């Protein structure tokens, strides 16, 4: 009896959960990767006309006159020029970014080279410091021996 009740509860939960899960048929209506490829990218949006561009677009004026073909051509030419200008600016910025990237890469190489040189210099400085300490110890030892020799000589001269 207890097993049947537990089995019923499990089946009820499974049914409740299955209502919340999307089926293959539900997923057929979603956008695919292919569909999303056709959307505009951030790069595409850079060349789109702005709100200000559209405000100046030829429309019906206050007197009820419609824009002429020439007005529309002029507006289209103005938008085309703006797109060309923006494209040129983007190209210039891309060139600047490429130069900056190259400069950063070069600086990174120089920093790495400097770091290696600093490491070598530190090793050499450590060796020099050790050698200098040894030399100071040798000089101190030699100075002590010289004092001993001098005192022996004086002592020998005094006794002779």
N, C-alpha and C. Protein backbone atom coordinates (compact mmCIF):
# COMPACT_ATOMS: atom_id res chain seq x y z
N UNK A 1 0.83 -1.19 0.00
CA UNK A 1 0.00 0.00 0.00
C UNK A 1 0.88 1.26 0.00
N UNK A 2 1.87 1.24 0.83
CA UNK A 2 2.77 2.36 0.95
C UNK A 2 3.54 2.58 -0.36
N UNK A 3 3.93 1.46 -1.02
CA UNK A 3 4.65 1.54 -2.28
C UNK A 3 3.76 2.14 -3.37
N UNK A 4 2.50 1.76 -3.39
CA UNK A 4 1.57 2.29 -4.39
C UNK A 4 1.37 3.80 -4.23
N UNK A 5 1.28 4.23 -2.99
CA UNK A 5 1.10 5.66 -2.71
C UNK A 5 2.34 6.44 -3.17
N UNK A 6 3.51 5.90 -2.87
CA UNK A 6 4.75 6.55 -3.29
C UNK A 6 4.85 6.57 -4.82
N UNK A 7 4.47 5.49 -5.48
CA UNK A 7 4.50 5.42 -6.93
C UNK A 7 3.54 6.43 -7.54
N UNK A 8 2.37 6.60 -6.95
CA UNK A 8 1.40 7.59 -7.43
C UNK A 8 1.96 9.00 -7.29
N UNK A 9 2.62 9.28 -6.18
CA UNK A 9 3.20 10.61 -5.96
C UNK A 9 4.30 10.88 -6.98
N UNK A 10 5.11 9.87 -7.25
CA UNK A 10 6.19 10.02 -8.23
C UNK A 10 5.60 10.29 -9.60
N UNK A 11 4.56 9.54 -9.98
CA UNK A 11 3.93 9.72 -11.29
C UNK A 11 3.29 11.10 -11.39
N UNK A 12 2.69 11.57 -10.31
CA UNK A 12 2.09 12.91 -10.30
C UNK A 12 3.17 13.96 -10.52
N UNK A 13 4.30 13.83 -9.82
CA UNK A 13 5.41 14.79 -9.99
C UNK A 13 5.94 14.75 -11.42
N UNK A 14 6.07 13.54 -11.98
CA UNK A 14 6.57 13.42 -13.35
C UNK A 14 5.62 14.11 -14.32
N UNK A 15 4.33 13.93 -14.14
CA UNK A 15 3.34 14.59 -15.01
C UNK A 15 3.41 16.11 -14.87
N UNK A 16 3.53 16.59 -13.64
CA UNK A 16 3.62 18.03 -13.41
C UNK A 16 4.87 18.61 -14.09
N UNK A 17 5.98 17.90 -13.95
CA UNK A 17 7.24 18.37 -14.53
C UNK A 17 7.21 18.30 -16.06
N UNK A 18 6.56 17.27 -16.60
CA UNK A 18 6.53 17.13 -18.06
C UNK A 18 5.73 18.25 -18.71
N UNK A 19 4.80 18.83 -17.98
CA UNK A 19 4.03 19.97 -18.51
C UNK A 19 4.92 21.22 -18.60
N UNK A 20 5.95 21.29 -17.76
CA UNK A 20 6.84 22.45 -17.76
C UNK A 20 7.97 22.34 -18.77
N UNK A 21 8.25 21.13 -19.25
CA UNK A 21 9.36 20.91 -20.16
C UNK A 21 8.91 21.13 -21.60
N UNK A 22 9.77 21.80 -22.40
CA UNK A 22 9.44 22.05 -23.80
C UNK A 22 9.63 20.77 -24.61
N UNK A 23 8.75 20.57 -25.58
CA UNK A 23 8.85 19.40 -26.45
C UNK A 23 9.60 19.79 -27.72
N UNK A 24 9.92 18.79 -28.55
CA UNK A 24 10.57 19.07 -29.84
C UNK A 24 9.69 19.97 -30.68
N UNK A 25 8.37 19.76 -30.65
CA UNK A 25 7.46 20.61 -31.42
C UNK A 25 7.52 22.05 -30.93
N UNK A 26 7.63 22.24 -29.62
CA UNK A 26 7.74 23.60 -29.07
C UNK A 26 9.02 24.28 -29.56
N UNK A 27 10.08 23.51 -29.64
CA UNK A 27 11.38 24.07 -30.02
C UNK A 27 11.47 24.39 -31.50
N UNK A 28 10.61 23.80 -32.32
CA UNK A 28 10.65 24.05 -33.77
C UNK A 28 10.38 25.52 -34.09
N UNK A 29 9.67 26.23 -33.24
CA UNK A 29 9.33 27.63 -33.50
C UNK A 29 10.42 28.61 -33.06
N UNK A 30 11.45 28.12 -32.37
CA UNK A 30 12.52 28.99 -31.91
C UNK A 30 13.48 29.30 -33.05
N UNK A 31 14.21 30.39 -32.91
CA UNK A 31 15.20 30.79 -33.91
C UNK A 31 16.39 29.84 -33.85
N UNK A 32 16.91 29.52 -35.01
CA UNK A 32 18.09 28.66 -35.10
C UNK A 32 19.34 29.52 -35.23
N UNK A 33 20.51 28.88 -35.17
CA UNK A 33 21.76 29.61 -35.39
C UNK A 33 21.73 30.28 -36.76
N UNK A 34 21.20 29.58 -37.74
CA UNK A 34 21.13 30.14 -39.09
C UNK A 34 20.26 31.41 -39.11
N UNK A 35 19.12 31.37 -38.40
CA UNK A 35 18.25 32.55 -38.33
C UNK A 35 18.98 33.72 -37.69
N UNK A 36 19.73 33.44 -36.64
CA UNK A 36 20.42 34.51 -35.90
C UNK A 36 21.57 35.11 -36.69
N UNK A 37 22.13 34.36 -37.64
CA UNK A 37 23.23 34.89 -38.45
C UNK A 37 22.76 36.05 -39.30
N UNK A 38 21.47 36.14 -39.60
CA UNK A 38 20.95 37.19 -40.46
C UNK A 38 20.66 38.49 -39.71
N UNK A 39 20.79 38.48 -38.38
CA UNK A 39 20.56 39.70 -37.61
C UNK A 39 21.73 40.66 -37.80
N UNK A 40 21.47 41.92 -37.58
CA UNK A 40 22.52 42.94 -37.69
C UNK A 40 23.47 42.81 -36.51
N UNK A 41 24.74 42.99 -36.79
CA UNK A 41 25.75 42.97 -35.73
C UNK A 41 26.01 44.40 -35.27
N UNK A 42 26.78 44.55 -34.22
CA UNK A 42 27.16 45.89 -33.75
C UNK A 42 27.87 46.65 -34.86
N UNK A 43 28.69 45.92 -35.61
CA UNK A 43 29.43 46.54 -36.72
C UNK A 43 28.45 47.06 -37.78
N UNK A 44 27.40 46.26 -38.07
CA UNK A 44 26.40 46.68 -39.05
C UNK A 44 25.67 47.94 -38.58
N UNK A 45 25.38 48.01 -37.30
CA UNK A 45 24.61 49.14 -36.76
C UNK A 45 25.38 50.46 -36.86
N UNK A 46 26.70 50.39 -36.93
CA UNK A 46 27.49 51.62 -37.01
C UNK A 46 27.19 52.40 -38.29
N UNK A 47 26.81 51.68 -39.33
CA UNK A 47 26.57 52.37 -40.60
C UNK A 47 25.09 52.73 -40.81
N UNK A 48 24.22 52.37 -39.86
CA UNK A 48 22.81 52.70 -40.00
C UNK A 48 22.59 54.19 -39.77
N UNK A 49 21.58 54.77 -40.40
CA UNK A 49 21.30 56.20 -40.15
C UNK A 49 20.84 56.41 -38.71
N UNK A 50 21.15 57.58 -38.17
CA UNK A 50 20.77 57.90 -36.81
C UNK A 50 19.40 58.57 -36.80
N UNK A 51 18.84 58.80 -35.62
CA UNK A 51 17.57 59.50 -35.50
C UNK A 51 17.67 60.90 -36.11
N UNK A 52 18.82 61.54 -35.88
CA UNK A 52 19.01 62.88 -36.45
C UNK A 52 18.99 62.84 -37.97
N UNK A 53 19.58 61.80 -38.54
CA UNK A 53 19.56 61.66 -39.99
C UNK A 53 18.12 61.54 -40.49
N UNK A 54 17.33 60.76 -39.79
CA UNK A 54 15.95 60.53 -40.23
C UNK A 54 15.06 61.76 -40.01
N UNK A 55 15.40 62.58 -39.00
CA UNK A 55 14.63 63.81 -38.76
C UNK A 55 14.72 64.74 -39.96
N UNK A 56 15.90 64.75 -40.58
CA UNK A 56 16.14 65.65 -41.70
C UNK A 56 15.70 65.07 -43.04
N UNK A 57 15.13 63.89 -43.01
CA UNK A 57 14.72 63.23 -44.25
C UNK A 57 13.57 64.00 -44.88
N UNK A 58 13.52 64.04 -46.19
CA UNK A 58 12.47 64.80 -46.89
C UNK A 58 11.09 64.23 -46.56
N UNK A 59 10.20 65.09 -46.12
CA UNK A 59 8.82 64.69 -45.77
C UNK A 59 7.86 65.75 -46.28
N UNK A 60 6.64 65.54 -45.98
CA UNK A 60 5.61 66.52 -46.33
C UNK A 60 5.84 67.77 -45.49
N UNK A 61 5.90 68.94 -46.10
CA UNK A 61 6.17 70.14 -45.32
C UNK A 61 4.87 70.70 -44.72
N UNK A 62 5.00 71.80 -44.01
CA UNK A 62 3.84 72.38 -43.32
C UNK A 62 2.74 72.83 -44.28
N UNK A 63 3.08 73.11 -45.52
CA UNK A 63 2.09 73.58 -46.48
C UNK A 63 1.36 72.43 -47.16
N UNK A 64 1.73 71.21 -46.80
CA UNK A 64 1.06 70.07 -47.39
C UNK A 64 1.71 69.59 -48.67
N UNK A 65 2.83 70.17 -49.03
CA UNK A 65 3.54 69.73 -50.23
C UNK A 65 4.41 68.53 -49.89
N UNK A 66 4.40 67.57 -50.78
CA UNK A 66 5.23 66.39 -50.59
C UNK A 66 6.63 66.68 -51.09
N UNK A 67 7.57 65.94 -50.55
CA UNK A 67 8.95 66.08 -51.00
C UNK A 67 9.06 65.64 -52.45
N UNK A 68 9.91 66.33 -53.16
CA UNK A 68 10.10 66.00 -54.58
C UNK A 68 11.10 64.86 -54.70
N UNK A 69 11.18 64.33 -55.92
CA UNK A 69 12.17 63.28 -56.18
C UNK A 69 13.57 63.80 -55.89
N UNK A 70 13.80 65.04 -56.26
CA UNK A 70 15.12 65.62 -56.03
C UNK A 70 15.42 65.72 -54.53
N UNK A 71 14.39 66.10 -53.73
CA UNK A 71 14.58 66.16 -52.28
C UNK A 71 14.98 64.79 -51.74
N UNK A 72 14.28 63.77 -52.23
CA UNK A 72 14.58 62.41 -51.78
C UNK A 72 15.97 61.98 -52.22
N UNK A 73 16.35 62.34 -53.46
CA UNK A 73 17.68 62.01 -53.95
C UNK A 73 18.75 62.71 -53.11
N UNK A 74 18.49 63.99 -52.80
CA UNK A 74 19.45 64.75 -51.99
C UNK A 74 19.60 64.12 -50.60
N UNK A 75 18.45 63.77 -50.02
CA UNK A 75 18.49 63.14 -48.69
C UNK A 75 19.23 61.81 -48.74
N UNK A 76 18.94 61.03 -49.76
CA UNK A 76 19.61 59.74 -49.90
C UNK A 76 21.11 59.95 -50.09
N UNK A 77 21.49 60.94 -50.89
CA UNK A 77 22.90 61.23 -51.11
C UNK A 77 23.57 61.66 -49.81
N UNK A 78 22.86 62.49 -49.03
CA UNK A 78 23.39 62.94 -47.75
C UNK A 78 23.62 61.75 -46.82
N UNK A 79 22.64 60.82 -46.79
CA UNK A 79 22.80 59.62 -45.95
C UNK A 79 23.95 58.75 -46.44
N UNK A 80 24.05 58.64 -47.74
CA UNK A 80 25.13 57.85 -48.32
C UNK A 80 26.49 58.45 -47.96
N UNK A 81 26.57 59.78 -48.04
CA UNK A 81 27.82 60.47 -47.67
C UNK A 81 28.15 60.24 -46.20
N UNK A 82 27.12 60.29 -45.35
CA UNK A 82 27.33 60.07 -43.92
C UNK A 82 27.82 58.65 -43.67
N UNK A 83 27.23 57.68 -44.37
CA UNK A 83 27.67 56.30 -44.23
C UNK A 83 29.12 56.17 -44.68
N UNK A 84 29.46 56.81 -45.82
CA UNK A 84 30.84 56.76 -46.31
C UNK A 84 31.80 57.40 -45.30
N UNK A 85 31.38 58.53 -44.74
CA UNK A 85 32.21 59.21 -43.74
C UNK A 85 32.42 58.32 -42.53
N UNK A 86 31.31 57.71 -42.05
CA UNK A 86 31.41 56.83 -40.88
C UNK A 86 32.27 55.61 -41.19
N UNK A 87 32.14 55.08 -42.39
CA UNK A 87 32.95 53.92 -42.77
C UNK A 87 34.42 54.31 -42.79
N UNK A 88 34.71 55.50 -43.33
CA UNK A 88 36.10 55.97 -43.35
C UNK A 88 36.64 56.14 -41.94
N UNK A 89 35.81 56.70 -41.06
CA UNK A 89 36.23 56.88 -39.67
C UNK A 89 36.50 55.53 -39.02
N UNK A 90 35.63 54.58 -39.27
CA UNK A 90 35.81 53.25 -38.69
C UNK A 90 37.10 52.63 -39.22
N UNK A 91 37.35 52.79 -40.53
CA UNK A 91 38.60 52.26 -41.10
C UNK A 91 39.81 52.92 -40.46
N UNK A 92 39.74 54.24 -40.26
CA UNK A 92 40.85 54.96 -39.62
C UNK A 92 41.05 54.46 -38.20
N UNK A 93 39.95 54.26 -37.47
CA UNK A 93 40.06 53.77 -36.10
C UNK A 93 40.63 52.36 -36.07
N UNK A 94 40.24 51.54 -37.05
CA UNK A 94 40.78 50.18 -37.11
C UNK A 94 42.29 50.22 -37.35
N UNK A 95 42.73 51.13 -38.23
CA UNK A 95 44.17 51.26 -38.49
C UNK A 95 44.88 51.71 -37.22
N UNK A 96 44.29 52.69 -36.51
CA UNK A 96 44.89 53.17 -35.26
C UNK A 96 44.95 52.05 -34.23
N UNK A 97 43.86 51.27 -34.15
CA UNK A 97 43.84 50.16 -33.20
C UNK A 97 44.90 49.12 -33.54
N UNK A 98 45.07 48.85 -34.84
CA UNK A 98 46.10 47.90 -35.26
C UNK A 98 47.49 48.41 -34.87
N UNK A 99 47.71 49.72 -35.09
CA UNK A 99 49.01 50.31 -34.71
C UNK A 99 49.22 50.21 -33.20
N UNK A 100 48.15 50.51 -32.45
CA UNK A 100 48.27 50.43 -31.00
C UNK A 100 48.51 49.00 -30.54
N UNK A 101 47.84 48.05 -31.20
CA UNK A 101 48.05 46.65 -30.86
C UNK A 101 49.50 46.26 -31.12
N UNK A 102 50.02 46.69 -32.29
CA UNK A 102 51.42 46.40 -32.61
C UNK A 102 52.35 47.04 -31.59
N UNK A 103 52.03 48.27 -31.18
CA UNK A 103 52.86 48.97 -30.19
C UNK A 103 52.82 48.24 -28.85
N UNK A 104 51.64 47.80 -28.45
CA UNK A 104 51.51 47.06 -27.19
C UNK A 104 52.31 45.76 -27.27
N UNK A 105 52.22 45.09 -28.41
CA UNK A 105 52.97 43.85 -28.60
C UNK A 105 54.48 44.12 -28.50
N UNK A 106 54.92 45.20 -29.17
CA UNK A 106 56.33 45.56 -29.13
C UNK A 106 56.75 45.93 -27.70
N UNK A 107 55.90 46.70 -27.01
CA UNK A 107 56.21 47.07 -25.63
C UNK A 107 56.29 45.84 -24.73
N UNK A 108 55.41 44.90 -24.96
CA UNK A 108 55.42 43.67 -24.17
C UNK A 108 56.73 42.92 -24.39
N UNK A 109 57.18 42.87 -25.64
CA UNK A 109 58.45 42.20 -25.93
C UNK A 109 59.61 42.93 -25.25
N UNK A 110 59.55 44.27 -25.29
CA UNK A 110 60.62 45.04 -24.64
C UNK A 110 60.61 44.83 -23.13
N UNK A 111 59.43 44.79 -22.56
CA UNK A 111 59.31 44.56 -21.11
C UNK A 111 59.86 43.19 -20.75
N UNK A 112 59.52 42.19 -21.57
CA UNK A 112 60.04 40.84 -21.31
C UNK A 112 61.56 40.83 -21.42
N UNK A 113 62.09 41.50 -22.45
CA UNK A 113 63.54 41.56 -22.62
C UNK A 113 64.19 42.27 -21.43
N UNK A 114 63.58 43.38 -21.00
CA UNK A 114 64.10 44.12 -19.85
C UNK A 114 64.05 43.26 -18.58
N UNK A 115 62.96 42.52 -18.42
CA UNK A 115 62.82 41.66 -17.25
C UNK A 115 63.93 40.61 -17.23
N UNK A 116 64.20 40.01 -18.40
CA UNK A 116 65.28 39.02 -18.49
C UNK A 116 66.62 39.66 -18.16
N UNK A 117 66.85 40.88 -18.68
CA UNK A 117 68.10 41.57 -18.42
C UNK A 117 68.22 41.91 -16.94
N UNK A 118 67.12 42.33 -16.33
CA UNK A 118 67.13 42.63 -14.89
C UNK A 118 67.46 41.37 -14.10
N UNK A 119 66.89 40.24 -14.52
CA UNK A 119 67.18 38.98 -13.83
C UNK A 119 68.67 38.64 -13.95
N UNK A 120 69.23 38.79 -15.16
CA UNK A 120 70.66 38.53 -15.36
C UNK A 120 71.50 39.48 -14.51
N UNK A 121 71.11 40.77 -14.53
CA UNK A 121 71.86 41.76 -13.74
C UNK A 121 71.79 41.44 -12.26
N UNK A 122 70.65 40.99 -11.79
CA UNK A 122 70.50 40.63 -10.38
C UNK A 122 71.40 39.46 -10.02
N UNK A 123 71.48 38.47 -10.92
CA UNK A 123 72.36 37.32 -10.68
C UNK A 123 73.82 37.79 -10.63
N UNK A 124 74.19 38.64 -11.58
CA UNK A 124 75.58 39.14 -11.60
C UNK A 124 75.88 39.98 -10.37
N UNK A 125 74.91 40.79 -9.95
CA UNK A 125 75.09 41.61 -8.75
C UNK A 125 75.26 40.71 -7.53
N UNK A 126 74.50 39.64 -7.47
CA UNK A 126 74.63 38.69 -6.36
C UNK A 126 76.03 38.07 -6.35
N UNK A 127 76.52 37.67 -7.54
CA UNK A 127 77.87 37.10 -7.65
C UNK A 127 78.91 38.13 -7.22
N UNK A 128 78.76 39.37 -7.70
CA UNK A 128 79.71 40.43 -7.32
C UNK A 128 79.70 40.69 -5.82
N UNK A 129 78.51 40.66 -5.24
CA UNK A 129 78.40 40.89 -3.80
C UNK A 129 79.12 39.78 -3.04
N UNK A 130 78.91 38.53 -3.46
CA UNK A 130 79.60 37.40 -2.81
C UNK A 130 81.10 37.52 -2.98
N UNK A 131 81.56 37.86 -4.19
CA UNK A 131 83.00 38.02 -4.44
C UNK A 131 83.57 39.16 -3.61
N UNK A 132 82.83 40.26 -3.52
CA UNK A 132 83.28 41.41 -2.74
C UNK A 132 83.40 41.03 -1.26
N UNK A 133 82.45 40.25 -0.77
CA UNK A 133 82.49 39.81 0.63
C UNK A 133 83.71 38.92 0.85
N UNK A 134 83.99 38.02 -0.10
CA UNK A 134 85.17 37.15 0.02
C UNK A 134 86.45 37.98 0.02
N UNK A 135 86.49 38.98 -0.87
CA UNK A 135 87.69 39.83 -0.94
C UNK A 135 87.88 40.59 0.37
N UNK A 136 86.79 41.09 0.93
CA UNK A 136 86.90 41.82 2.20
C UNK A 136 87.40 40.88 3.29
N UNK A 137 86.89 39.63 3.29
CA UNK A 137 87.36 38.66 4.29
C UNK A 137 88.85 38.35 4.10
N UNK A 138 89.28 38.18 2.82
CA UNK A 138 90.69 37.91 2.54
C UNK A 138 91.57 39.09 2.97
N UNK A 139 91.13 40.29 2.66
CA UNK A 139 91.91 41.49 3.04
C UNK A 139 92.02 41.59 4.56
N UNK A 140 90.91 41.30 5.25
CA UNK A 140 90.95 41.34 6.72
C UNK A 140 91.92 40.30 7.25
N UNK A 141 91.87 39.08 6.67
CA UNK A 141 92.79 38.00 7.09
C UNK A 141 94.23 38.39 6.81
N UNK A 142 94.48 38.92 5.62
CA UNK A 142 95.84 39.35 5.27
C UNK A 142 96.33 40.48 6.20
N UNK A 143 95.43 41.39 6.52
CA UNK A 143 95.80 42.49 7.42
C UNK A 143 96.18 41.94 8.79
N UNK A 144 95.41 40.95 9.29
CA UNK A 144 95.73 40.34 10.59
C UNK A 144 97.08 39.63 10.53
N UNK A 145 97.34 38.92 9.45
CA UNK A 145 98.62 38.21 9.31
C UNK A 145 99.78 39.21 9.22
N UNK A 146 99.53 40.31 8.49
CA UNK A 146 100.58 41.33 8.38
C UNK A 146 100.90 41.91 9.75
N UNK A 147 99.87 42.14 10.56
CA UNK A 147 100.09 42.67 11.91
C UNK A 147 100.86 41.64 12.74
N UNK A 148 100.48 40.35 12.60
CA UNK A 148 101.18 39.29 13.34
C UNK A 148 102.64 39.22 12.92
N UNK A 149 102.87 39.28 11.60
CA UNK A 149 104.25 39.21 11.09
C UNK A 149 105.05 40.41 11.58
N UNK A 150 104.43 41.56 11.54
CA UNK A 150 105.13 42.77 11.98
C UNK A 150 105.49 42.67 13.46
N UNK A 151 104.55 42.15 14.27
CA UNK A 151 104.83 42.05 15.70
C UNK A 151 105.91 41.00 15.96
N UNK A 152 105.94 39.90 15.16
CA UNK A 152 107.00 38.89 15.30
C UNK A 152 108.36 39.50 14.95
N UNK A 153 108.36 40.28 13.85
CA UNK A 153 109.61 40.91 13.44
C UNK A 153 110.12 41.87 14.51
N UNK A 154 109.26 42.66 15.05
CA UNK A 154 109.67 43.62 16.11
C UNK A 154 110.17 42.86 17.34
N UNK A 155 109.44 41.80 17.64
CA UNK A 155 109.83 41.00 18.79
C UNK A 155 111.21 40.37 18.53
N UNK A 156 111.43 39.88 17.33
CA UNK A 156 112.70 39.26 16.98
C UNK A 156 113.81 40.30 16.98
N UNK A 157 113.54 41.48 16.45
CA UNK A 157 114.54 42.55 16.42
C UNK A 157 114.83 43.00 17.86
N UNK A 158 113.85 43.07 18.69
CA UNK A 158 114.04 43.51 20.07
C UNK A 158 114.87 42.49 20.83
N UNK A 159 114.79 41.23 20.56
CA UNK A 159 115.57 40.20 21.27
C UNK A 159 116.94 40.00 20.68
N UNK A 160 117.19 40.51 19.51
CA UNK A 160 118.51 40.26 18.94
C UNK A 160 119.51 41.26 19.39
